[in-house]
N, C-alpha and C. Protein backbone atom coordinates (compact mmCIF):
# COMPACT_ATOMS: atom_id res chain seq x y z
N MET A 1 0.91 -1.10 0.43
CA MET A 1 0.07 0.37 0.22
C MET A 1 0.39 1.03 0.04
N ALA A 2 2.13 1.16 0.53
CA ALA A 2 2.92 2.38 0.54
C ALA A 2 3.17 2.68 -0.81
N ARG A 3 3.91 1.56 -1.62
CA ARG A 3 4.41 1.86 -2.73
C ARG A 3 3.09 2.60 -3.36
N CYS A 4 1.78 2.29 -3.48
CA CYS A 4 0.51 2.63 -3.97
C CYS A 4 0.85 3.73 -3.95
N VAL A 5 0.33 4.46 -2.90
CA VAL A 5 0.42 5.56 -1.98
C VAL A 5 1.58 6.84 -3.00
N LEU A 6 2.91 6.23 -2.79
CA LEU A 6 4.01 7.00 -3.08
C LEU A 6 4.31 7.17 -4.26
N ALA A 7 3.10 5.82 -5.26
CA ALA A 7 3.31 5.97 -6.64
C ALA A 7 2.56 7.31 -7.28
N VAL A 8 0.96 7.35 -6.54
CA VAL A 8 0.65 8.43 -6.28
C VAL A 8 0.57 9.82 -6.11
N PHE A 9 1.63 10.09 -5.57
CA PHE A 9 2.22 11.02 -4.94
C PHE A 9 3.83 11.54 -5.68
N VAL A 10 4.31 10.69 -6.19
CA VAL A 10 5.09 11.50 -7.50
C VAL A 10 4.23 12.05 -8.63
N THR A 11 3.34 11.36 -8.58
CA THR A 11 2.73 12.20 -10.18
C THR A 11 2.35 13.63 -10.13
N ILE A 12 2.14 14.36 -8.39
CA ILE A 12 2.08 15.18 -8.16
C ILE A 12 2.94 16.33 -9.28
N ALA A 13 4.50 16.15 -9.16
CA ALA A 13 5.22 16.73 -9.54
C ALA A 13 5.39 16.88 -10.96
N THR A 14 4.74 15.67 -12.12
CA THR A 14 4.99 16.33 -13.32
C THR A 14 3.86 16.15 -14.00
N CYS A 15 2.40 16.05 -13.23
CA CYS A 15 1.11 15.86 -13.98
C CYS A 15 1.13 16.89 -15.00
N LEU A 16 1.60 18.56 -14.52
CA LEU A 16 1.85 19.97 -15.53
C LEU A 16 2.70 20.21 -16.31
N GLN A 17 3.08 19.07 -16.50
CA GLN A 17 4.45 19.26 -17.81
C GLN A 17 3.08 17.87 -17.92
N LEU A 18 2.69 17.21 -18.11
CA LEU A 18 2.34 16.11 -19.01
C LEU A 18 1.15 16.75 -19.68
N ILE A 19 0.09 17.66 -18.27
CA ILE A 19 -1.33 18.92 -19.25
C ILE A 19 -0.53 19.44 -20.82
N LEU A 20 0.75 20.16 -19.51
CA LEU A 20 0.86 21.13 -20.69
C LEU A 20 1.24 20.39 -22.31
N ALA A 21 1.86 19.12 -22.03
CA ALA A 21 2.59 18.79 -23.65
C ALA A 21 1.88 18.01 -24.09
N GLN A 22 0.21 17.88 -24.15
CA GLN A 22 -0.78 17.07 -24.77
C GLN A 22 -1.43 17.79 -26.40
N THR A 23 -1.64 17.04 -26.97
CA THR A 23 -1.57 18.28 -28.20
C THR A 23 -2.84 19.41 -28.41
N GLU A 24 -3.00 20.18 -28.86
CA GLU A 24 -4.25 21.25 -28.90
C GLU A 24 -5.53 19.93 -29.10
N ILE A 25 -6.31 21.04 -28.25
CA ILE A 25 -7.82 20.33 -28.31
C ILE A 25 -8.64 20.92 -29.31
N PRO A 26 -9.48 18.73 -29.67
CA PRO A 26 -9.41 19.17 -31.55
C PRO A 26 -11.06 19.88 -31.36
N GLN A 27 -11.08 20.59 -32.46
CA GLN A 27 -12.56 21.21 -31.77
C GLN A 27 -13.89 20.27 -32.11
N ASP A 28 -15.71 20.31 -30.76
CA ASP A 28 -16.41 19.18 -30.83
C ASP A 28 -16.63 19.41 -32.40
N ASN A 29 -17.03 19.59 -33.31
CA ASN A 29 -17.42 18.59 -34.51
C ASN A 29 -16.76 18.48 -35.78
N GLU A 30 -15.68 18.95 -34.64
CA GLU A 30 -14.16 17.43 -35.84
C GLU A 30 -14.24 16.53 -35.30
N ILE A 31 -14.20 16.46 -33.76
CA ILE A 31 -14.07 15.44 -32.93
C ILE A 31 -15.28 14.06 -33.35
N LEU A 32 -16.35 14.66 -32.81
CA LEU A 32 -17.46 14.28 -32.86
C LEU A 32 -18.13 12.93 -33.74
N LYS A 33 -16.88 13.61 -34.87
CA LYS A 33 -17.01 12.62 -36.27
C LYS A 33 -15.65 11.33 -36.71
N TRP A 34 -15.20 11.51 -35.45
CA TRP A 34 -14.52 10.95 -35.38
C TRP A 34 -15.07 9.60 -35.20
N GLU A 35 -14.65 8.17 -35.93
CA GLU A 35 -15.60 7.09 -35.49
C GLU A 35 -13.89 6.11 -35.03
N PRO A 36 -13.55 6.03 -33.08
CA PRO A 36 -12.69 4.93 -33.09
C PRO A 36 -13.08 3.50 -33.19
N SER A 37 -12.02 2.76 -32.92
CA SER A 37 -12.54 1.56 -32.82
C SER A 37 -13.13 0.53 -32.00
N LYS A 38 -13.83 -0.40 -32.98
CA LYS A 38 -14.52 -1.69 -31.67
C LYS A 38 -13.57 -1.56 -30.09
N GLU A 39 -12.59 -2.39 -30.35
CA GLU A 39 -11.64 -2.31 -29.50
C GLU A 39 -11.66 -1.24 -28.32
N MET A 40 -11.89 0.12 -29.32
CA MET A 40 -11.35 1.13 -27.95
C MET A 40 -12.86 1.12 -27.28
N LYS A 41 -14.27 1.09 -28.00
CA LYS A 41 -14.96 1.01 -27.24
C LYS A 41 -15.05 -0.31 -26.26
N THR A 42 -15.05 -1.16 -26.04
CA THR A 42 -15.46 -1.91 -25.71
C THR A 42 -14.37 -2.15 -24.67
N LYS A 43 -12.92 -1.15 -24.64
CA LYS A 43 -12.07 -1.14 -23.97
C LYS A 43 -12.50 0.19 -22.44
N TYR A 44 -12.98 0.84 -23.07
CA TYR A 44 -13.96 1.98 -22.53
C TYR A 44 -14.91 2.00 -23.06
N PRO A 45 -15.51 1.52 -21.62
CA PRO A 45 -17.62 1.59 -22.37
C PRO A 45 -17.69 3.40 -21.57
N TYR A 46 -18.64 3.45 -22.06
CA TYR A 46 -19.41 4.92 -21.62
C TYR A 46 -20.86 4.89 -22.14
N TYR A 47 -21.73 4.56 -21.80
CA TYR A 47 -23.66 5.28 -22.37
C TYR A 47 -24.26 6.33 -21.44
N LEU A 48 -25.25 6.68 -22.45
CA LEU A 48 -26.77 7.61 -21.94
C LEU A 48 -27.59 6.81 -20.89
N SER A 49 -27.79 6.86 -20.42
CA SER A 49 -28.72 5.88 -19.36
C SER A 49 -30.05 6.24 -19.49
N GLY A 50 -30.22 7.47 -19.83
CA GLY A 50 -31.47 8.38 -19.68
C GLY A 50 -31.17 9.21 -19.25
N TYR A 51 -32.75 10.34 -18.50
CA TYR A 51 -32.17 11.56 -18.24
C TYR A 51 -33.02 11.65 -16.25
N ASP A 52 -32.97 12.57 -16.05
CA ASP A 52 -33.24 12.46 -14.39
C ASP A 52 -34.48 13.49 -14.81
N TYR A 53 -35.04 13.86 -13.47
CA TYR A 53 -36.26 14.64 -12.60
C TYR A 53 -36.49 15.37 -13.55
N GLU A 54 -35.33 16.43 -13.59
CA GLU A 54 -34.87 17.68 -15.09
C GLU A 54 -34.70 17.47 -15.84
N GLY A 55 -34.92 15.86 -16.65
CA GLY A 55 -34.55 16.24 -18.23
C GLY A 55 -33.09 16.57 -18.27
N ALA A 56 -32.79 15.66 -17.82
CA ALA A 56 -30.92 16.08 -17.79
C ALA A 56 -30.57 14.96 -18.11
N PRO A 57 -28.86 14.57 -19.30
CA PRO A 57 -28.71 13.99 -19.82
C PRO A 57 -28.30 12.71 -18.40
N VAL A 58 -28.29 11.12 -18.41
CA VAL A 58 -27.39 10.95 -17.76
C VAL A 58 -26.73 9.63 -18.38
N TRP A 59 -25.31 9.76 -18.00
CA TRP A 59 -24.07 9.56 -17.95
C TRP A 59 -23.86 8.33 -17.57
N ILE A 60 -23.78 6.60 -18.30
CA ILE A 60 -23.05 6.49 -16.92
C ILE A 60 -21.91 5.74 -17.84
N ILE A 61 -20.37 5.73 -17.06
CA ILE A 61 -19.25 5.29 -17.35
C ILE A 61 -18.48 4.71 -16.36
N GLU A 62 -18.18 3.18 -17.03
CA GLU A 62 -17.68 2.20 -16.31
C GLU A 62 -16.00 2.45 -16.26
N PHE A 63 -15.93 3.30 -15.17
CA PHE A 63 -14.59 3.35 -15.13
C PHE A 63 -13.66 2.64 -14.90
N GLY A 64 -13.81 1.38 -13.87
CA GLY A 64 -12.97 0.48 -13.34
C GLY A 64 -12.37 -0.58 -14.68
N LYS A 65 -13.61 0.26 -15.45
CA LYS A 65 -12.37 -0.96 -16.65
C LYS A 65 -11.28 -0.29 -17.63
N TRP A 66 -11.95 0.65 -17.36
CA TRP A 66 -10.37 1.77 -18.26
C TRP A 66 -9.01 2.07 -18.23
N ASP A 67 -8.29 0.84 -18.80
CA ASP A 67 -6.61 0.20 -18.67
C ASP A 67 -6.13 1.81 -18.88
N LEU A 68 -5.92 3.11 -18.19
CA LEU A 68 -4.86 3.90 -18.50
C LEU A 68 -4.23 3.50 -18.49
N LYS A 69 -3.68 2.29 -17.85
CA LYS A 69 -2.07 1.96 -17.49
C LYS A 69 -1.50 1.62 -19.12
N SER A 70 -2.18 0.55 -19.70
CA SER A 70 -1.99 0.25 -21.52
C SER A 70 -1.59 1.25 -22.48
N ALA A 71 -2.89 2.28 -21.97
CA ALA A 71 -3.18 3.39 -22.92
C ALA A 71 -2.30 4.46 -22.79
N ALA A 72 -1.18 5.15 -21.54
CA ALA A 72 -0.61 5.90 -21.21
C ALA A 72 0.90 4.91 -21.86
N GLU A 73 0.81 3.99 -21.30
CA GLU A 73 2.52 3.16 -21.23
C GLU A 73 2.62 3.20 -23.06
N ALA A 74 1.72 2.27 -23.85
CA ALA A 74 2.02 2.28 -25.12
C ALA A 74 2.36 3.20 -26.16
N GLY A 75 1.91 4.41 -25.93
CA GLY A 75 2.77 5.69 -26.99
C GLY A 75 2.54 5.41 -28.19
N GLY A 76 2.32 6.56 -29.23
CA GLY A 76 3.10 6.69 -30.46
C GLY A 76 1.01 6.64 -30.96
N GLU A 77 0.56 5.49 -31.63
CA GLU A 77 -0.37 5.77 -32.29
C GLU A 77 -2.22 5.01 -31.28
N ILE A 78 -1.55 4.29 -30.35
CA ILE A 78 -3.21 4.11 -29.42
C ILE A 78 -3.07 4.60 -28.10
N THR A 79 -1.67 5.35 -28.44
CA THR A 79 -1.97 6.03 -26.90
C THR A 79 -2.92 8.01 -27.44
N GLU A 80 -2.26 8.05 -28.28
CA GLU A 80 -2.55 8.84 -29.47
C GLU A 80 -4.30 9.08 -29.17
N ASN A 81 -4.95 7.83 -30.17
CA ASN A 81 -6.50 7.25 -30.41
C ASN A 81 -7.17 7.64 -29.34
N PHE A 82 -6.41 6.77 -27.79
CA PHE A 82 -7.00 7.09 -26.81
C PHE A 82 -7.31 9.26 -26.41
N ASP A 83 -6.26 10.01 -26.20
CA ASP A 83 -6.58 10.51 -25.77
C ASP A 83 -7.63 11.46 -27.11
N LYS A 84 -7.99 11.33 -28.45
CA LYS A 84 -8.77 11.38 -28.64
C LYS A 84 -10.27 11.01 -28.78
N TYR A 85 -9.91 9.61 -27.89
CA TYR A 85 -11.03 9.62 -27.80
C TYR A 85 -11.68 9.96 -26.55
N VAL A 86 -10.90 10.11 -25.51
CA VAL A 86 -11.15 10.93 -24.31
C VAL A 86 -12.05 12.52 -24.49
N HIS A 87 -11.31 13.11 -25.43
CA HIS A 87 -12.40 14.64 -25.83
C HIS A 87 -13.20 14.05 -26.62
N GLN A 88 -13.23 13.61 -27.80
CA GLN A 88 -14.73 12.50 -28.18
C GLN A 88 -15.83 12.32 -26.94
N TYR A 89 -15.26 12.02 -26.09
CA TYR A 89 -16.08 11.97 -25.07
C TYR A 89 -16.44 12.09 -23.86
N PHE A 90 -15.58 13.32 -23.48
CA PHE A 90 -16.27 15.01 -23.07
C PHE A 90 -17.06 15.75 -23.96
N ALA A 91 -16.65 15.47 -25.47
CA ALA A 91 -17.75 16.65 -26.52
C ALA A 91 -18.81 15.98 -26.46
N THR A 92 -19.03 14.15 -25.95
CA THR A 92 -20.40 14.11 -26.36
C THR A 92 -21.03 14.45 -25.19
N LEU A 93 -21.09 14.26 -23.58
CA LEU A 93 -21.22 14.37 -22.85
C LEU A 93 -21.82 15.74 -22.70
N VAL A 94 -21.12 16.23 -23.07
CA VAL A 94 -21.26 18.09 -23.55
C VAL A 94 -22.63 18.46 -24.30
N ASN A 95 -22.42 17.66 -25.68
CA ASN A 95 -23.06 17.78 -26.99
C ASN A 95 -24.73 17.49 -26.36
N SER A 96 -24.20 16.40 -25.46
CA SER A 96 -26.11 16.08 -24.95
C SER A 96 -26.65 16.91 -24.48
N THR A 97 -26.67 18.36 -23.64
CA THR A 97 -26.98 18.72 -22.43
C THR A 97 -28.15 19.62 -23.35
N GLY A 98 -27.97 19.76 -24.39
CA GLY A 98 -28.59 20.64 -25.42
C GLY A 98 -28.56 22.01 -25.72
N ASP A 99 -29.95 22.36 -25.24
CA ASP A 99 -29.72 23.76 -24.73
C ASP A 99 -30.14 23.80 -23.34
N ILE A 100 -28.30 24.54 -22.96
CA ILE A 100 -28.46 24.10 -21.20
C ILE A 100 -29.44 24.55 -20.47
N SER A 101 -30.07 25.72 -20.87
CA SER A 101 -31.24 26.16 -19.93
C SER A 101 -32.46 25.58 -19.42
N ALA A 102 -32.19 24.53 -20.09
CA ALA A 102 -33.64 23.29 -20.37
C ALA A 102 -33.19 22.29 -19.01
N ASN A 103 -31.71 21.27 -18.98
CA ASN A 103 -32.19 21.08 -18.53
C ASN A 103 -30.57 20.79 -18.19
N GLN A 104 -29.41 21.98 -17.99
CA GLN A 104 -29.12 22.28 -16.35
C GLN A 104 -27.83 21.15 -16.59
N GLY A 105 -26.86 21.00 -18.07
CA GLY A 105 -26.07 19.81 -17.86
C GLY A 105 -26.41 19.08 -17.71
N PHE A 106 -25.16 17.80 -17.89
CA PHE A 106 -25.05 16.44 -17.90
C PHE A 106 -25.03 16.19 -16.27
N PHE A 107 -25.43 14.30 -15.95
CA PHE A 107 -25.07 14.52 -14.65
C PHE A 107 -24.13 13.24 -14.72
N ALA A 108 -23.35 12.26 -14.51
CA ALA A 108 -22.44 10.92 -14.65
C ALA A 108 -22.53 10.59 -13.45
N ILE A 109 -22.30 9.24 -13.57
CA ILE A 109 -22.18 8.43 -12.85
C ILE A 109 -20.96 7.01 -12.52
N LEU A 110 -20.18 7.41 -12.26
CA LEU A 110 -18.91 6.79 -12.93
C LEU A 110 -18.19 5.50 -11.78
N ASP A 111 -18.36 4.11 -12.52
CA ASP A 111 -18.02 3.28 -11.40
C ASP A 111 -16.95 2.69 -11.70
N LEU A 112 -16.55 2.41 -10.18
CA LEU A 112 -15.51 2.08 -10.53
C LEU A 112 -14.58 0.79 -10.03
N GLU A 113 -15.94 -0.60 -10.60
CA GLU A 113 -15.39 -1.79 -9.93
C GLU A 113 -14.04 -2.12 -11.03
N GLY A 114 -13.84 -2.63 -10.20
CA GLY A 114 -13.05 -3.53 -11.20
C GLY A 114 -11.48 -2.51 -11.08
N TYR A 115 -11.48 -1.39 -10.93
CA TYR A 115 -10.30 -0.61 -10.45
C TYR A 115 -9.13 -1.37 -9.74
N ASP A 116 -7.77 -1.92 -9.67
CA ASP A 116 -7.20 -2.13 -8.66
C ASP A 116 -5.61 -1.60 -9.15
N ILE A 117 -4.99 -2.14 -8.47
CA ILE A 117 -3.23 -2.26 -7.82
C ILE A 117 -2.61 -2.14 -8.88
N THR A 118 -2.62 -2.96 -9.75
CA THR A 118 -2.11 -2.77 -11.18
C THR A 118 -2.41 -1.29 -11.85
N GLN A 119 -3.34 -0.60 -11.49
CA GLN A 119 -4.00 0.73 -12.14
C GLN A 119 -3.81 1.89 -11.31
N ALA A 120 -2.88 1.63 -10.09
CA ALA A 120 -2.72 2.92 -9.00
C ALA A 120 -1.81 2.30 -8.79
N LYS A 121 -0.49 1.59 -9.56
CA LYS A 121 0.97 1.73 -9.34
C LYS A 121 1.42 2.68 -10.17
N SER A 122 0.73 2.29 -11.38
CA SER A 122 1.44 2.50 -12.65
C SER A 122 1.25 4.97 -12.88
N VAL A 123 2.46 5.26 -12.96
CA VAL A 123 2.65 6.77 -12.74
C VAL A 123 1.96 7.22 -14.23
N PRO A 124 2.12 6.65 -15.23
CA PRO A 124 1.71 6.95 -16.36
C PRO A 124 0.39 7.10 -16.68
N GLY A 125 -0.21 6.17 -16.04
CA GLY A 125 -1.36 5.17 -15.66
C GLY A 125 -1.65 6.88 -14.92
N ILE A 126 -1.53 7.16 -13.81
CA ILE A 126 -2.31 7.88 -12.83
C ILE A 126 -1.82 9.49 -13.31
N GLN A 127 -0.97 9.79 -14.47
CA GLN A 127 -1.14 11.52 -15.52
C GLN A 127 -1.55 11.28 -16.61
N LYS A 128 -2.18 10.25 -16.49
CA LYS A 128 -2.91 10.53 -18.05
C LYS A 128 -4.68 10.54 -17.28
N PHE A 129 -4.88 9.81 -16.11
CA PHE A 129 -6.20 10.33 -15.02
C PHE A 129 -6.29 11.62 -15.26
N LEU A 130 -5.25 12.90 -14.53
CA LEU A 130 -4.77 13.74 -13.37
C LEU A 130 -4.90 14.20 -15.44
N TRP A 131 -4.54 14.37 -16.45
CA TRP A 131 -4.56 14.70 -17.69
C TRP A 131 -6.00 14.95 -17.62
N MET A 132 -6.65 13.68 -17.97
CA MET A 132 -8.38 13.36 -18.00
C MET A 132 -9.14 14.66 -17.38
N ALA A 133 -8.76 15.12 -15.64
CA ALA A 133 -9.16 15.82 -14.98
C ALA A 133 -9.26 17.72 -15.54
N GLN A 134 -8.02 17.26 -16.05
CA GLN A 134 -7.77 18.55 -16.89
C GLN A 134 -8.20 18.74 -17.99
N THR A 135 -8.99 17.69 -18.96
CA THR A 135 -9.31 18.24 -20.07
C THR A 135 -10.96 17.97 -19.47
N PHE A 136 -11.92 17.32 -18.93
CA PHE A 136 -12.46 17.34 -18.45
C PHE A 136 -12.99 19.35 -17.97
N VAL A 137 -12.01 19.67 -17.01
CA VAL A 137 -12.69 21.15 -16.91
C VAL A 137 -12.16 21.97 -17.89
N ASP A 138 -11.51 21.81 -19.54
CA ASP A 138 -11.81 22.86 -20.31
C ASP A 138 -12.56 22.32 -21.73
N ALA A 139 -13.50 20.41 -21.21
CA ALA A 139 -14.68 20.81 -22.27
C ALA A 139 -15.77 21.10 -20.82
N VAL A 140 -16.34 21.14 -19.86
CA VAL A 140 -17.22 21.56 -19.56
C VAL A 140 -17.61 23.11 -19.56
N LYS A 141 -17.26 24.20 -20.10
CA LYS A 141 -16.56 25.12 -19.64
C LYS A 141 -18.20 26.03 -19.00
N GLY A 142 -17.44 25.69 -17.61
CA GLY A 142 -18.35 26.72 -17.11
C GLY A 142 -19.85 25.37 -16.60
N ASP A 143 -21.02 25.73 -17.00
CA ASP A 143 -22.03 25.03 -15.85
C ASP A 143 -22.91 23.55 -17.02
N LYS A 144 -22.05 23.76 -17.41
CA LYS A 144 -21.93 22.38 -18.69
C LYS A 144 -22.71 20.65 -17.85
N THR A 145 -22.12 20.84 -16.74
CA THR A 145 -21.92 19.78 -15.90
C THR A 145 -23.00 20.15 -14.75
N LYS A 146 -23.86 18.86 -14.40
CA LYS A 146 -24.75 18.99 -13.26
C LYS A 146 -23.83 18.85 -11.67
N GLY A 147 -23.11 17.74 -11.97
CA GLY A 147 -22.11 17.00 -10.98
C GLY A 147 -22.18 15.67 -11.51
N GLY A 148 -21.62 14.72 -10.14
CA GLY A 148 -21.40 13.16 -10.65
C GLY A 148 -21.48 12.10 -9.49
N ILE A 149 -20.89 11.12 -9.80
CA ILE A 149 -21.62 10.43 -8.30
C ILE A 149 -20.23 9.18 -8.56
N LEU A 150 -19.36 9.50 -7.51
CA LEU A 150 -17.70 8.07 -7.89
C LEU A 150 -18.80 7.04 -7.10
N ILE A 151 -18.78 5.28 -8.00
CA ILE A 151 -19.32 4.53 -6.88
C ILE A 151 -18.65 3.52 -7.10
N ASN A 152 -18.48 2.76 -5.32
CA ASN A 152 -17.84 1.40 -5.84
C ASN A 152 -15.82 1.72 -5.64
N VAL A 153 -15.88 3.05 -5.11
CA VAL A 153 -14.32 3.22 -5.20
C VAL A 153 -13.74 2.77 -3.81
N ASN A 154 -12.40 1.97 -4.45
CA ASN A 154 -12.00 1.30 -3.25
C ASN A 154 -10.55 2.10 -2.81
N ASN A 155 -9.79 1.39 -2.39
CA ASN A 155 -8.63 2.98 -1.25
C ASN A 155 -7.75 2.83 -2.36
N PHE A 156 -7.50 1.96 -3.45
CA PHE A 156 -6.10 2.59 -5.08
C PHE A 156 -7.04 3.70 -5.27
N PHE A 157 -8.30 3.90 -5.60
CA PHE A 157 -8.86 4.86 -6.48
C PHE A 157 -8.78 5.97 -5.15
N GLY A 158 -9.09 5.42 -4.22
CA GLY A 158 -9.30 6.92 -3.16
C GLY A 158 -8.28 7.77 -3.26
N ASN A 159 -7.13 7.18 -3.29
CA ASN A 159 -5.54 7.99 -3.07
C ASN A 159 -5.39 8.54 -4.51
N VAL A 160 -5.74 7.54 -5.74
CA VAL A 160 -5.35 9.05 -7.13
C VAL A 160 -6.38 10.42 -6.86
N TRP A 161 -8.47 9.92 -6.58
CA TRP A 161 -9.21 10.52 -7.02
C TRP A 161 -8.94 11.94 -6.03
N LYS A 162 -8.09 11.79 -4.83
CA LYS A 162 -7.29 13.10 -3.92
C LYS A 162 -6.60 13.92 -4.70
N VAL A 163 -6.01 13.70 -5.12
CA VAL A 163 -4.36 13.81 -5.62
C VAL A 163 -5.70 14.93 -6.90
N ALA A 164 -6.11 14.80 -7.84
CA ALA A 164 -6.97 15.13 -9.06
C ALA A 164 -7.93 16.67 -8.00
N GLY A 165 -8.29 16.56 -7.02
CA GLY A 165 -8.95 17.51 -6.03
C GLY A 165 -8.63 18.77 -6.64
N PRO A 166 -7.60 19.03 -6.78
CA PRO A 166 -7.03 20.91 -7.17
C PRO A 166 -7.02 21.30 -8.22
N ILE A 167 -6.99 19.76 -9.57
CA ILE A 167 -7.15 20.20 -11.24
C ILE A 167 -8.25 20.27 -10.98
N ILE A 168 -9.76 19.92 -10.84
CA ILE A 168 -11.06 19.49 -10.55
C ILE A 168 -11.71 21.08 -9.89
N GLY A 169 -11.18 21.00 -8.91
CA GLY A 169 -11.45 22.68 -8.73
C GLY A 169 -12.32 22.68 -7.96
N LYS A 170 -13.25 23.89 -8.91
CA LYS A 170 -15.21 23.77 -8.10
C LYS A 170 -15.80 22.89 -8.34
N TYR A 171 -15.14 22.01 -9.24
CA TYR A 171 -16.24 21.10 -10.14
C TYR A 171 -16.06 19.22 -8.88
N PHE A 172 -15.11 19.13 -7.57
CA PHE A 172 -14.87 18.54 -7.22
C PHE A 172 -15.69 18.37 -6.09
N LYS A 173 -16.24 19.85 -5.43
CA LYS A 173 -17.51 19.39 -4.55
C LYS A 173 -19.06 19.01 -4.82
N THR A 174 -19.32 18.73 -6.49
CA THR A 174 -19.76 18.25 -6.86
C THR A 174 -20.11 17.14 -7.43
N ILE A 175 -18.86 16.37 -7.16
CA ILE A 175 -18.79 15.03 -7.09
C ILE A 175 -19.43 13.86 -6.20
N THR A 176 -20.81 12.86 -5.44
CA THR A 176 -20.11 12.28 -4.21
C THR A 176 -19.78 11.06 -4.48
N VAL A 177 -18.69 11.28 -3.47
CA VAL A 177 -17.47 9.82 -3.72
C VAL A 177 -18.52 8.38 -2.56
N PHE A 178 -18.59 6.92 -2.97
CA PHE A 178 -19.19 6.13 -2.39
C PHE A 178 -17.77 4.96 -2.90
N GLY A 179 -18.39 4.40 -1.74
CA GLY A 179 -16.89 2.73 -1.55
C GLY A 179 -18.41 1.19 -2.28
N THR A 180 -17.94 0.54 -2.16
CA THR A 180 -18.87 -0.69 -2.51
C THR A 180 -20.07 -0.84 -2.57
N ASN A 181 -20.85 -0.68 -1.16
CA ASN A 181 -22.35 -0.84 -0.84
C ASN A 181 -22.86 -0.17 -0.92
N SER A 182 -23.71 -1.06 -2.14
CA SER A 182 -24.68 -0.48 -2.27
C SER A 182 -26.10 0.06 -1.93
N GLU A 183 -25.84 -0.53 -0.17
CA GLU A 183 -26.68 -0.09 0.34
C GLU A 183 -26.53 1.73 0.31
N ALA A 184 -25.49 1.98 0.56
CA ALA A 184 -25.29 3.43 0.48
C ALA A 184 -25.67 3.81 -0.05
N TRP A 185 -25.54 4.22 -1.70
CA TRP A 185 -26.12 5.33 -2.88
C TRP A 185 -26.71 4.41 -3.96
N ARG A 186 -26.92 3.42 -3.57
CA ARG A 186 -28.82 3.35 -4.81
C ARG A 186 -29.75 4.46 -4.67
N PRO A 187 -30.30 5.03 -2.88
CA PRO A 187 -30.99 5.12 -2.46
C PRO A 187 -30.94 6.52 -3.40
N LEU A 188 -29.67 7.14 -3.36
CA LEU A 188 -29.11 8.51 -4.12
C LEU A 188 -29.01 9.03 -5.33
N LEU A 189 -28.70 7.29 -5.59
CA LEU A 189 -29.58 8.00 -7.73
C LEU A 189 -30.85 7.50 -8.00
N LEU A 190 -31.67 7.16 -6.76
CA LEU A 190 -33.24 6.87 -7.10
C LEU A 190 -33.27 8.04 -6.99
N GLN A 191 -32.78 9.52 -5.72
CA GLN A 191 -33.75 10.57 -6.03
C GLN A 191 -33.53 11.62 -6.50
N LYS A 192 -32.37 10.78 -7.81
CA LYS A 192 -32.32 12.05 -8.66
C LYS A 192 -32.63 11.73 -9.26
N ILE A 193 -32.69 10.06 -10.00
CA ILE A 193 -32.95 9.84 -11.10
C ILE A 193 -34.46 8.74 -11.08
N PRO A 194 -34.87 8.73 -12.25
CA PRO A 194 -36.47 7.74 -12.36
C PRO A 194 -36.04 6.24 -12.08
N GLN A 195 -36.09 5.62 -11.69
CA GLN A 195 -36.20 3.96 -11.32
C GLN A 195 -35.90 3.45 -13.29
N ASP A 196 -37.03 3.69 -14.30
CA ASP A 196 -37.09 3.65 -15.60
C ASP A 196 -35.71 4.36 -15.84
N GLN A 197 -35.09 5.17 -15.23
CA GLN A 197 -33.94 6.06 -16.38
C GLN A 197 -32.52 5.23 -16.52
N LEU A 198 -32.34 3.82 -15.21
CA LEU A 198 -31.37 2.79 -14.32
C LEU A 198 -30.94 1.92 -14.96
N PRO A 199 -30.41 1.47 -15.08
CA PRO A 199 -29.98 -0.13 -15.21
C PRO A 199 -29.85 -0.72 -13.60
N GLU A 200 -30.87 -1.67 -13.44
CA GLU A 200 -30.96 -2.96 -12.92
C GLU A 200 -30.16 -2.64 -11.27
N ARG A 201 -28.29 -3.12 -11.86
CA ARG A 201 -27.87 -3.01 -11.21
C ARG A 201 -27.49 -1.73 -10.02
N TYR A 202 -28.34 -0.52 -10.89
CA TYR A 202 -27.50 0.59 -9.59
C TYR A 202 -29.34 0.85 -9.47
N GLY A 203 -30.32 0.18 -9.62
CA GLY A 203 -31.56 0.81 -8.63
C GLY A 203 -32.34 1.21 -9.80
N GLY A 204 -32.29 1.08 -10.79
CA GLY A 204 -33.28 1.10 -12.03
C GLY A 204 -34.72 -0.29 -11.73
N SER A 205 -34.79 0.23 -13.28
CA SER A 205 -35.46 -1.14 -13.39
C SER A 205 -35.37 -2.20 -14.98
N LYS A 206 -35.60 -3.64 -14.79
CA LYS A 206 -35.37 -5.13 -15.25
C LYS A 206 -35.66 -4.40 -16.90
N SER A 207 -36.49 -3.86 -17.18
CA SER A 207 -36.67 -3.22 -18.51
C SER A 207 -35.73 -1.76 -19.04
N HIS A 208 -35.83 -1.69 -18.22
CA HIS A 208 -34.60 -0.73 -18.92
C HIS A 208 -33.52 -0.43 -19.86
N LYS A 209 -32.95 -0.04 -20.35
CA LYS A 209 -32.18 0.34 -22.11
C LYS A 209 -32.41 1.42 -22.23
N PRO A 210 -30.04 1.14 -22.07
CA PRO A 210 -29.57 1.51 -22.23
C PRO A 210 -29.80 2.93 -23.99
N ILE A 211 -29.86 4.15 -23.85
CA ILE A 211 -30.50 4.97 -25.28
C ILE A 211 -29.14 5.26 -26.03
N LYS A 212 -28.38 4.98 -26.19
CA LYS A 212 -27.20 5.52 -26.73
C LYS A 212 -25.76 4.51 -25.46
N VAL A 213 -25.03 3.32 -26.66
CA VAL A 213 -24.15 2.83 -25.81
C VAL A 213 -23.40 2.68 -26.85
N PHE A 214 -21.59 3.29 -25.84
CA PHE A 214 -20.32 3.23 -26.52
C PHE A 214 -19.70 2.65 -25.80
N GLY A 215 -19.01 1.17 -26.40
CA GLY A 215 -18.50 0.50 -25.54
C GLY A 215 -19.21 -1.11 -26.15
């Protein structure tokens, strides 16, 4: 565990260099037209689950399955395409809000089930996550998000999340973090989101089907 925590804090000294080294953010209309490979969609899944009580889009991101370690360490075209995928991912979430005055931004559910020590020990992987945090801030452009909830968070990701706080800034307080006890976070989800807009595993109905699936 000590090595894991050390790996997290080592990234603090280098994350700003990494962020500054990224390529220019693509225009939304360009990145939305890009077609990622089927393999990439499978490795980094997210989907539009439905809408909350105020009509805001609800996105579920199975982030525990995202292998940031491999994406960051591969280099070359693989890492380049992953970065494009991330830009497209955030552009898709923002684009789904439509008229911002009508639905007040999107709501995100990040499921960390599956996040393990191999991810937490990878300095390049953690750096990539911190770059994603900065990219998120750049993409939402103010009020495009209603916030979100992290669920199934274990100690490995908990340490990484603390480091991301200063990068995310004001958005950090709009995100609620829960552990693996579904009895704790399901009631909160159902307060915000109708049952028929969520999958059964998140407290939703059996008949629910995602509106749009990526992966």
